[in-house]
Amino acid sequence: MRIVIGITQDRKRMRQLLTTYAGTEETLTEMGPFLSKEEAQNWMQFLESKIAGCREIPPEQGESEDLLWYGFTFEEGTD
């Protein structure tokens, strides 16, 4: 089992990534909103320091200063 961790401004992207990495809704945890990208990145770095071997998903391109940030984690499925 590997934990997937990421931040996004598009909450729909969490569901897309869940499908891409064969995760399940039962393992999805959403965090936020965070007021800035820096705050969201600090949250992600904290989790990475606590969870060995996690997979980090980088934020998508085209971010907006006007939108809030959300963090997410889920268990990556096995094929």
PDB file of N, CA and C in Angstrom:
ATOM      1  N   MET A   1       0.845  -1.176   0.000  1.00  0.00           N
ATOM      2  CA  MET A   1       0.000   0.000   0.000  1.00  0.00           C
ATOM      3  C   MET A   1       0.891   1.240   0.000  1.00  0.00           C
ATOM      4  N   ARG A   2       0.565   2.174  -0.866  1.00  0.00           N
ATOM      5  CA  ARG A   2       1.275   3.443  -0.921  1.00  0.00           C
ATOM      6  C   ARG A   2       0.253   4.565  -0.777  1.00  0.00           C
ATOM      7  N   ILE A   3       0.608   5.583   0.001  1.00  0.00           N
ATOM      8  CA  ILE A   3      -0.247   6.740   0.188  1.00  0.00           C
ATOM      9  C   ILE A   3       0.108   7.793  -0.852  1.00  0.00           C
ATOM     10  N   VAL A   4      -0.920   8.329  -1.503  1.00  0.00           N
ATOM     11  CA  VAL A   4      -0.775   9.405  -2.472  1.00  0.00           C
ATOM     12  C   VAL A   4      -1.145  10.703  -1.766  1.00  0.00           C
ATOM     13  N   ILE A   5      -0.304  11.735  -1.927  1.00  0.00           N
ATOM     14  CA  ILE A   5      -0.510  13.030  -1.276  1.00  0.00           C
ATOM     15  C   ILE A   5      -0.399  14.120  -2.334  1.00  0.00           C
ATOM     16  N   GLY A   6      -1.297  15.102  -2.273  1.00  0.00           N
ATOM     17  CA  GLY A   6      -1.209  16.209  -3.218  1.00  0.00           C
ATOM     18  C   GLY A   6      -1.978  17.423  -2.754  1.00  0.00           C
ATOM     19  N   ILE A   7      -1.807  18.503  -3.509  1.00  0.00           N
ATOM     20  CA  ILE A   7      -2.567  19.733  -3.281  1.00  0.00           C
ATOM     21  C   ILE A   7      -3.121  20.190  -4.621  1.00  0.00           C
ATOM     22  N   THR A   8      -4.261  20.857  -4.580  1.00  0.00           N
ATOM     23  CA  THR A   8      -4.916  21.302  -5.801  1.00  0.00           C
ATOM     24  C   THR A   8      -5.849  22.470  -5.506  1.00  0.00           C
ATOM     25  N   GLN A   9      -6.165  23.216  -6.539  1.00  0.00           N
ATOM     26  CA  GLN A   9      -7.197  24.246  -6.442  1.00  0.00           C
ATOM     27  C   GLN A   9      -8.497  23.749  -7.058  1.00  0.00           C
ATOM     28  N   ASP A  10      -8.458  22.602  -7.684  1.00  0.00           N
ATOM     29  CA  ASP A  10      -9.622  22.032  -8.367  1.00  0.00           C
ATOM     30  C   ASP A  10     -10.020  20.741  -7.663  1.00  0.00           C
ATOM     31  N   ARG A  11     -11.078  20.812  -6.885  1.00  0.00           N
ATOM     32  CA  ARG A  11     -11.479  19.635  -6.112  1.00  0.00           C
ATOM     33  C   ARG A  11     -11.893  18.459  -6.998  1.00  0.00           C
ATOM     34  N   LYS A  12     -12.344  18.728  -8.234  1.00  0.00           N
ATOM     35  CA  LYS A  12     -12.679  17.649  -9.162  1.00  0.00           C
ATOM     36  C   LYS A  12     -11.422  16.860  -9.540  1.00  0.00           C
ATOM     37  N   ARG A  13     -10.281  17.519  -9.520  1.00  0.00           N
ATOM     38  CA  ARG A  13      -9.024  16.842  -9.867  1.00  0.00           C
ATOM     39  C   ARG A  13      -8.715  15.719  -8.871  1.00  0.00           C
ATOM     40  N   MET A  14      -9.128  15.896  -7.613  1.00  0.00           N
ATOM     41  CA  MET A  14      -8.907  14.838  -6.618  1.00  0.00           C
ATOM     42  C   MET A  14      -9.563  13.540  -7.077  1.00  0.00           C
ATOM     43  N   ARG A  15     -10.798  13.643  -7.582  1.00  0.00           N
ATOM     44  CA  ARG A  15     -11.528  12.466  -8.039  1.00  0.00           C
ATOM     45  C   ARG A  15     -10.874  11.864  -9.278  1.00  0.00           C
ATOM     46  N   GLN A  16     -10.365  12.713 -10.166  1.00  0.00           N
ATOM     47  CA  GLN A  16      -9.677  12.218 -11.358  1.00  0.00           C
ATOM     48  C   GLN A  16      -8.423  11.445 -10.959  1.00  0.00           C
ATOM     49  N   LEU A  17      -7.665  11.984 -10.025  1.00  0.00           N
ATOM     50  CA  LEU A  17      -6.441  11.310  -9.573  1.00  0.00           C
ATOM     51  C   LEU A  17      -6.769  10.014  -8.839  1.00  0.00           C
ATOM     52  N   LEU A  18      -7.863  10.017  -8.115  1.00  0.00           N
ATOM     53  CA  LEU A  18      -8.303   8.808  -7.422  1.00  0.00           C
ATOM     54  C   LEU A  18      -8.503   7.680  -8.443  1.00  0.00           C
ATOM     55  N   THR A  19      -9.114   8.003  -9.563  1.00  0.00           N
ATOM     56  CA  THR A  19      -9.318   7.016 -10.630  1.00  0.00           C
ATOM     57  C   THR A  19      -7.993   6.638 -11.276  1.00  0.00           C
ATOM     58  N   THR A  20      -7.155   7.619 -11.570  1.00  0.00           N
ATOM     59  CA  THR A  20      -5.865   7.373 -12.219  1.00  0.00           C
ATOM     60  C   THR A  20      -4.998   6.421 -11.414  1.00  0.00           C
ATOM     61  N   TYR A  21      -5.002   6.575 -10.093  1.00  0.00           N
ATOM     62  CA  TYR A  21      -4.147   5.761  -9.230  1.00  0.00           C
ATOM     63  C   TYR A  21      -4.897   4.603  -8.575  1.00  0.00           C
ATOM     64  N   ALA A  22      -6.076   4.290  -9.102  1.00  0.00           N
ATOM     65  CA  ALA A  22      -6.872   3.143  -8.643  1.00  0.00           C
ATOM     66  C   ALA A  22      -7.168   3.198  -7.148  1.00  0.00           C
ATOM     67  N   GLY A  23      -7.367   4.416  -6.632  1.00  0.00           N
ATOM     68  CA  GLY A  23      -7.741   4.583  -5.231  1.00  0.00           C
ATOM     69  C   GLY A  23      -9.237   4.385  -5.047  1.00  0.00           C
ATOM     70  N   THR A  24      -9.679   4.401  -3.795  1.00  0.00           N
ATOM     71  CA  THR A  24     -11.103   4.263  -3.504  1.00  0.00           C
ATOM     72  C   THR A  24     -11.575   5.446  -2.661  1.00  0.00           C
ATOM     73  N   GLU A  25     -12.857   5.761  -2.808  1.00  0.00           N
ATOM     74  CA  GLU A  25     -13.459   6.859  -2.046  1.00  0.00           C
ATOM     75  C   GLU A  25     -13.282   6.665  -0.538  1.00  0.00           C
ATOM     76  N   GLU A  26     -13.301   5.406  -0.091  1.00  0.00           N
ATOM     77  CA  GLU A  26     -13.198   5.123   1.343  1.00  0.00           C
ATOM     78  C   GLU A  26     -11.865   5.576   1.920  1.00  0.00           C
ATOM     79  N   THR A  27     -10.824   5.642   1.086  1.00  0.00           N
ATOM     80  CA  THR A  27      -9.507   6.021   1.594  1.00  0.00           C
ATOM     81  C   THR A  27      -9.187   7.497   1.355  1.00  0.00           C
ATOM     82  N   LEU A  28     -10.065   8.213   0.629  1.00  0.00           N
ATOM     83  CA  LEU A  28      -9.819   9.619   0.310  1.00  0.00           C
ATOM     84  C   LEU A  28     -10.052  10.508   1.529  1.00  0.00           C
ATOM     85  N   THR A  29      -9.050  11.326   1.830  1.00  0.00           N
ATOM     86  CA  THR A  29      -9.167  12.341   2.874  1.00  0.00           C
ATOM     87  C   THR A  29      -8.884  13.691   2.232  1.00  0.00           C
ATOM     88  N   GLU A  30      -9.812  14.628   2.418  1.00  0.00           N
ATOM     89  CA  GLU A  30      -9.648  15.981   1.902  1.00  0.00           C
ATOM     90  C   GLU A  30      -9.337  16.919   3.053  1.00  0.00           C
ATOM     91  N   MET A  31      -8.432  17.852   2.817  1.00  0.00           N
ATOM     92  CA  MET A  31      -8.037  18.809   3.850  1.00  0.00           C
ATOM     93  C   MET A  31      -8.115  20.211   3.281  1.00  0.00           C
ATOM     94  N   GLY A  32      -8.513  21.152   4.105  1.00  0.00           N
ATOM     95  CA  GLY A  32      -8.553  22.545   3.666  1.00  0.00           C
ATOM     96  C   GLY A  32      -9.935  23.129   3.850  1.00  0.00           C
ATOM     97  N   PRO A  33     -10.117  24.298   3.335  1.00  0.00           N
ATOM     98  CA  PRO A  33      -9.256  24.986   2.383  1.00  0.00           C
ATOM     99  C   PRO A  33      -8.071  25.683   3.058  1.00  0.00           C
ATOM    100  N   PHE A  34      -7.010  25.801   2.254  1.00  0.00           N
ATOM    101  CA  PHE A  34      -5.846  26.578   2.648  1.00  0.00           C
ATOM    102  C   PHE A  34      -5.915  27.908   1.898  1.00  0.00           C
ATOM    103  N   LEU A  35      -5.492  28.977   2.542  1.00  0.00           N
ATOM    104  CA  LEU A  35      -5.600  30.302   1.941  1.00  0.00           C
ATOM    105  C   LEU A  35      -4.512  30.587   0.922  1.00  0.00           C
ATOM    106  N   SER A  36      -3.405  29.824   0.979  1.00  0.00           N
ATOM    107  CA  SER A  36      -2.306  30.067   0.041  1.00  0.00           C
ATOM    108  C   SER A  36      -1.663  28.748  -0.362  1.00  0.00           C
ATOM    109  N   LYS A  37      -0.943  28.798  -1.478  1.00  0.00           N
ATOM    110  CA  LYS A  37      -0.210  27.622  -1.933  1.00  0.00           C
ATOM    111  C   LYS A  37       0.856  27.244  -0.914  1.00  0.00           C
ATOM    112  N   GLU A  38       1.505  28.246  -0.334  1.00  0.00           N
ATOM    113  CA  GLU A  38       2.546  27.988   0.666  1.00  0.00           C
ATOM    114  C   GLU A  38       1.991  27.219   1.864  1.00  0.00           C
ATOM    115  N   GLU A  39       0.825  27.619   2.338  1.00  0.00           N
ATOM    116  CA  GLU A  39       0.190  26.929   3.466  1.00  0.00           C
ATOM    117  C   GLU A  39      -0.127  25.473   3.090  1.00  0.00           C
ATOM    118  N   ALA A  40      -0.626  25.251   1.880  1.00  0.00           N
ATOM    119  CA  ALA A  40      -0.938  23.895   1.416  1.00  0.00           C
ATOM    120  C   ALA A  40       0.338  23.067   1.270  1.00  0.00           C
ATOM    121  N   GLN A  41       1.399  23.671   0.746  1.00  0.00           N
ATOM    122  CA  GLN A  41       2.666  22.962   0.607  1.00  0.00           C
ATOM    123  C   GLN A  41       3.260  22.598   1.967  1.00  0.00           C
ATOM    124  N   ASN A  42       3.124  23.479   2.939  1.00  0.00           N
ATOM    125  CA  ASN A  42       3.609  23.170   4.291  1.00  0.00           C
ATOM    126  C   ASN A  42       2.877  21.959   4.860  1.00  0.00           C
ATOM    127  N   TRP A  43       1.566  21.888   4.643  1.00  0.00           N
ATOM    128  CA  TRP A  43       0.779  20.736   5.092  1.00  0.00           C
ATOM    129  C   TRP A  43       1.294  19.463   4.429  1.00  0.00           C
ATOM    130  N   MET A  44       1.524  19.539   3.105  1.00  0.00           N
ATOM    131  CA  MET A  44       1.987  18.366   2.369  1.00  0.00           C
ATOM    132  C   MET A  44       3.379  17.938   2.838  1.00  0.00           C
ATOM    133  N   GLN A  45       4.258  18.878   3.061  1.00  0.00           N
ATOM    134  CA  GLN A  45       5.609  18.550   3.531  1.00  0.00           C
ATOM    135  C   GLN A  45       5.568  17.913   4.914  1.00  0.00           C
ATOM    136  N   PHE A  46       4.673  18.387   5.773  1.00  0.00           N
ATOM    137  CA  PHE A  46       4.523  17.789   7.097  1.00  0.00           C
ATOM    138  C   PHE A  46       4.114  16.322   6.968  1.00  0.00           C
ATOM    139  N   LEU A  47       3.119  16.054   6.123  1.00  0.00           N
ATOM    140  CA  LEU A  47       2.684  14.660   5.943  1.00  0.00           C
ATOM    141  C   LEU A  47       3.789  13.800   5.358  1.00  0.00           C
ATOM    142  N   GLU A  48       4.503  14.326   4.395  1.00  0.00           N
ATOM    143  CA  GLU A  48       5.599  13.566   3.793  1.00  0.00           C
ATOM    144  C   GLU A  48       6.655  13.189   4.826  1.00  0.00           C
ATOM    145  N   SER A  49       6.858  14.054   5.810  1.00  0.00           N
ATOM    146  CA  SER A  49       7.844  13.756   6.844  1.00  0.00           C
ATOM    147  C   SER A  49       7.354  12.653   7.793  1.00  0.00           C
ATOM    148  N   LYS A  50       6.052  12.425   7.833  1.00  0.00           N
ATOM    149  CA  LYS A  50       5.471  11.418   8.723  1.00  0.00           C
ATOM    150  C   LYS A  50       5.157  10.095   8.028  1.00  0.00           C
ATOM    151  N   ILE A  51       5.001  10.118   6.691  1.00  0.00           N
ATOM    152  CA  ILE A  51       4.594   8.922   5.951  1.00  0.00           C
ATOM    153  C   ILE A  51       5.727   8.516   5.010  1.00  0.00           C
ATOM    154  N   ALA A  52       6.405   7.455   5.343  1.00  0.00           N
ATOM    155  CA  ALA A  52       7.522   6.987   4.514  1.00  0.00           C
ATOM    156  C   ALA A  52       7.006   6.385   3.213  1.00  0.00           C
ATOM    157  N   GLY A  53       7.684   6.696   2.114  1.00  0.00           N
ATOM    158  CA  GLY A  53       7.367   6.082   0.831  1.00  0.00           C
ATOM    159  C   GLY A  53       6.094   6.561   0.170  1.00  0.00           C
ATOM    160  N   CYS A  54       5.608   7.728   0.532  1.00  0.00           N
ATOM    161  CA  CYS A  54       4.379   8.224  -0.104  1.00  0.00           C
ATOM    162  C   CYS A  54       4.685   8.756  -1.507  1.00  0.00           C
ATOM    163  N   ARG A  55       3.650   8.845  -2.333  1.00  0.00           N
ATOM    164  CA  ARG A  55       3.775   9.386  -3.691  1.00  0.00           C
ATOM    165  C   ARG A  55       3.217  10.804  -3.691  1.00  0.00           C
ATOM    166  N   GLU A  56       4.058  11.765  -4.055  1.00  0.00           N
ATOM    167  CA  GLU A  56       3.631  13.169  -4.112  1.00  0.00           C
ATOM    168  C   GLU A  56       3.135  13.494  -5.513  1.00  0.00           C
ATOM    169  N   ILE A  57       1.950  14.093  -5.579  1.00  0.00           N
ATOM    170  CA  ILE A  57       1.392  14.553  -6.846  1.00  0.00           C
ATOM    171  C   ILE A  57       1.601  16.067  -6.906  1.00  0.00           C
ATOM    172  N   PRO A  58       2.361  16.553  -7.901  1.00  0.00           N
ATOM    173  CA  PRO A  58       2.602  17.997  -7.969  1.00  0.00           C
ATOM    174  C   PRO A  58       1.330  18.755  -8.339  1.00  0.00           C
ATOM    175  N   PRO A  59       1.234  20.016  -7.923  1.00  0.00           N
ATOM    176  CA  PRO A  59       0.058  20.818  -8.288  1.00  0.00           C
ATOM    177  C   PRO A  59      -0.021  21.010  -9.800  1.00  0.00           C
ATOM    178  N   GLU A  60      -1.236  21.176 -10.289  1.00  0.00           N
ATOM    179  CA  GLU A  60      -1.434  21.381 -11.715  1.00  0.00           C
ATOM    180  C   GLU A  60      -0.929  22.766 -12.141  1.00  0.00           C
ATOM    181  N   GLN A  61      -0.703  22.917 -13.433  1.00  0.00           N
ATOM    182  CA  GLN A  61      -0.278  24.194 -13.984  1.00  0.00           C
ATOM    183  C   GLN A  61      -1.470  25.160 -14.033  1.00  0.00           C
ATOM    184  N   GLY A  62      -1.181  26.437 -14.141  1.00  0.00           N
ATOM    185  CA  GLY A  62      -2.246  27.430 -14.310  1.00  0.00           C
ATOM    186  C   GLY A  62      -2.969  27.789 -13.030  1.00  0.00           C
ATOM    187  N   GLU A  63      -2.249  27.821 -11.927  1.00  0.00           N
ATOM    188  CA  GLU A  63      -2.884  28.132 -10.647  1.00  0.00           C
ATOM    189  C   GLU A  63      -3.328  29.595 -10.600  1.00  0.00           C
ATOM    190  N   SER A  64      -4.298  29.870  -9.749  1.00  0.00           N
ATOM    191  CA  SER A  64      -4.862  31.204  -9.612  1.00  0.00           C
ATOM    192  C   SER A  64      -4.654  31.714  -8.190  1.00  0.00           C
ATOM    193  N   GLU A  65      -4.294  32.954  -8.056  1.00  0.00           N
ATOM    194  CA  GLU A  65      -4.139  33.545  -6.723  1.00  0.00           C
ATOM    195  C   GLU A  65      -5.490  33.781  -6.057  1.00  0.00           C
ATOM    196  N   ASP A  66      -6.566  33.757  -6.844  1.00  0.00           N
ATOM    197  CA  ASP A  66      -7.908  34.029  -6.325  1.00  0.00           C
ATOM    198  C   ASP A  66      -8.602  32.806  -5.748  1.00  0.00           C
ATOM    199  N   LEU A  67      -8.080  31.612  -6.024  1.00  0.00           N
ATOM    200  CA  LEU A  67      -8.729  30.382  -5.579  1.00  0.00           C
ATOM    201  C   LEU A  67      -8.049  29.802  -4.350  1.00  0.00           C
ATOM    202  N   LEU A  68      -8.830  29.074  -3.560  1.00  0.00           N
ATOM    203  CA  LEU A  68      -8.307  28.397  -2.375  1.00  0.00           C
ATOM    204  C   LEU A  68      -7.608  27.102  -2.783  1.00  0.00           C
ATOM    205  N   TRP A  69      -6.809  26.567  -1.866  1.00  0.00           N
ATOM    206  CA  TRP A  69      -6.084  25.322  -2.076  1.00  0.00           C
ATOM    207  C   TRP A  69      -6.657  24.232  -1.180  1.00  0.00           C
ATOM    208  N   TYR A  70      -6.596  23.000  -1.647  1.00  0.00           N
ATOM    209  CA  TYR A  70      -7.061  21.836  -0.899  1.00  0.00           C
ATOM    210  C   TYR A  70      -5.983  20.764  -0.935  1.00  0.00           C
ATOM    211  N   GLY A  71      -5.875  20.036   0.149  1.00  0.00           N
ATOM    212  CA  GLY A  71      -4.970  18.903   0.214  1.00  0.00           C
ATOM    213  C   GLY A  71      -5.761  17.620   0.168  1.00  0.00           C
ATOM    214  N   PHE A  72      -5.110  16.556  -0.261  1.00  0.00           N
ATOM    215  CA  PHE A  72      -5.784  15.259  -0.303  1.00  0.00           C
ATOM    216  C   PHE A  72      -4.782  14.132  -0.103  1.00  0.00           C
ATOM    217  N   THR A  73      -5.271  13.051   0.435  1.00  0.00           N
ATOM    218  CA  THR A  73      -4.508  11.810   0.538  1.00  0.00           C
ATOM    219  C   THR A  73      -5.457  10.659   0.219  1.00  0.00           C
ATOM    220  N   PHE A  74      -4.905   9.585  -0.315  1.00  0.00           N
ATOM    221  CA  PHE A  74      -5.656   8.349  -0.491  1.00  0.00           C
ATOM    222  C   PHE A  74      -4.682   7.201  -0.684  1.00  0.00           C
ATOM    223  N   GLU A  75      -5.175   5.996  -0.526  1.00  0.00           N
ATOM    224  CA  GLU A  75      -4.356   4.807  -0.733  1.00  0.00           C
ATOM    225  C   GLU A  75      -4.363   4.463  -2.204  1.00  0.00           C
ATOM    226  N   GLU A  76      -3.170   4.305  -2.768  1.00  0.00           N
ATOM    227  CA  GLU A  76      -3.055   3.893  -4.165  1.00  0.00           C
ATOM    228  C   GLU A  76      -3.433   2.430  -4.277  1.00  0.00           C
ATOM    229  N   GLY A  77      -4.277   2.120  -5.239  1.00  0.00           N
ATOM    230  CA  GLY A  77      -4.708   0.744  -5.436  1.00  0.00           C
ATOM    231  C   GLY A  77      -3.648  -0.078  -6.132  1.00  0.00           C
ATOM    232  N   THR A  78      -3.831  -1.368  -6.105  1.00  0.00           N
ATOM    233  CA  THR A  78      -2.920  -2.280  -6.796  1.00  0.00           C
ATOM    234  C   THR A  78      -3.659  -2.889  -7.975  1.00  0.00           C
ATOM    235  N   ASP A  79      -2.967  -3.056  -9.045  1.00  0.00           N
ATOM    236  CA  ASP A  79      -3.583  -3.646 -10.255  1.00  0.00           C
ATOM    237  C   ASP A  79      -3.451  -5.138 -10.267  1.00  0.00           C
TER     238      ASP A  79
END
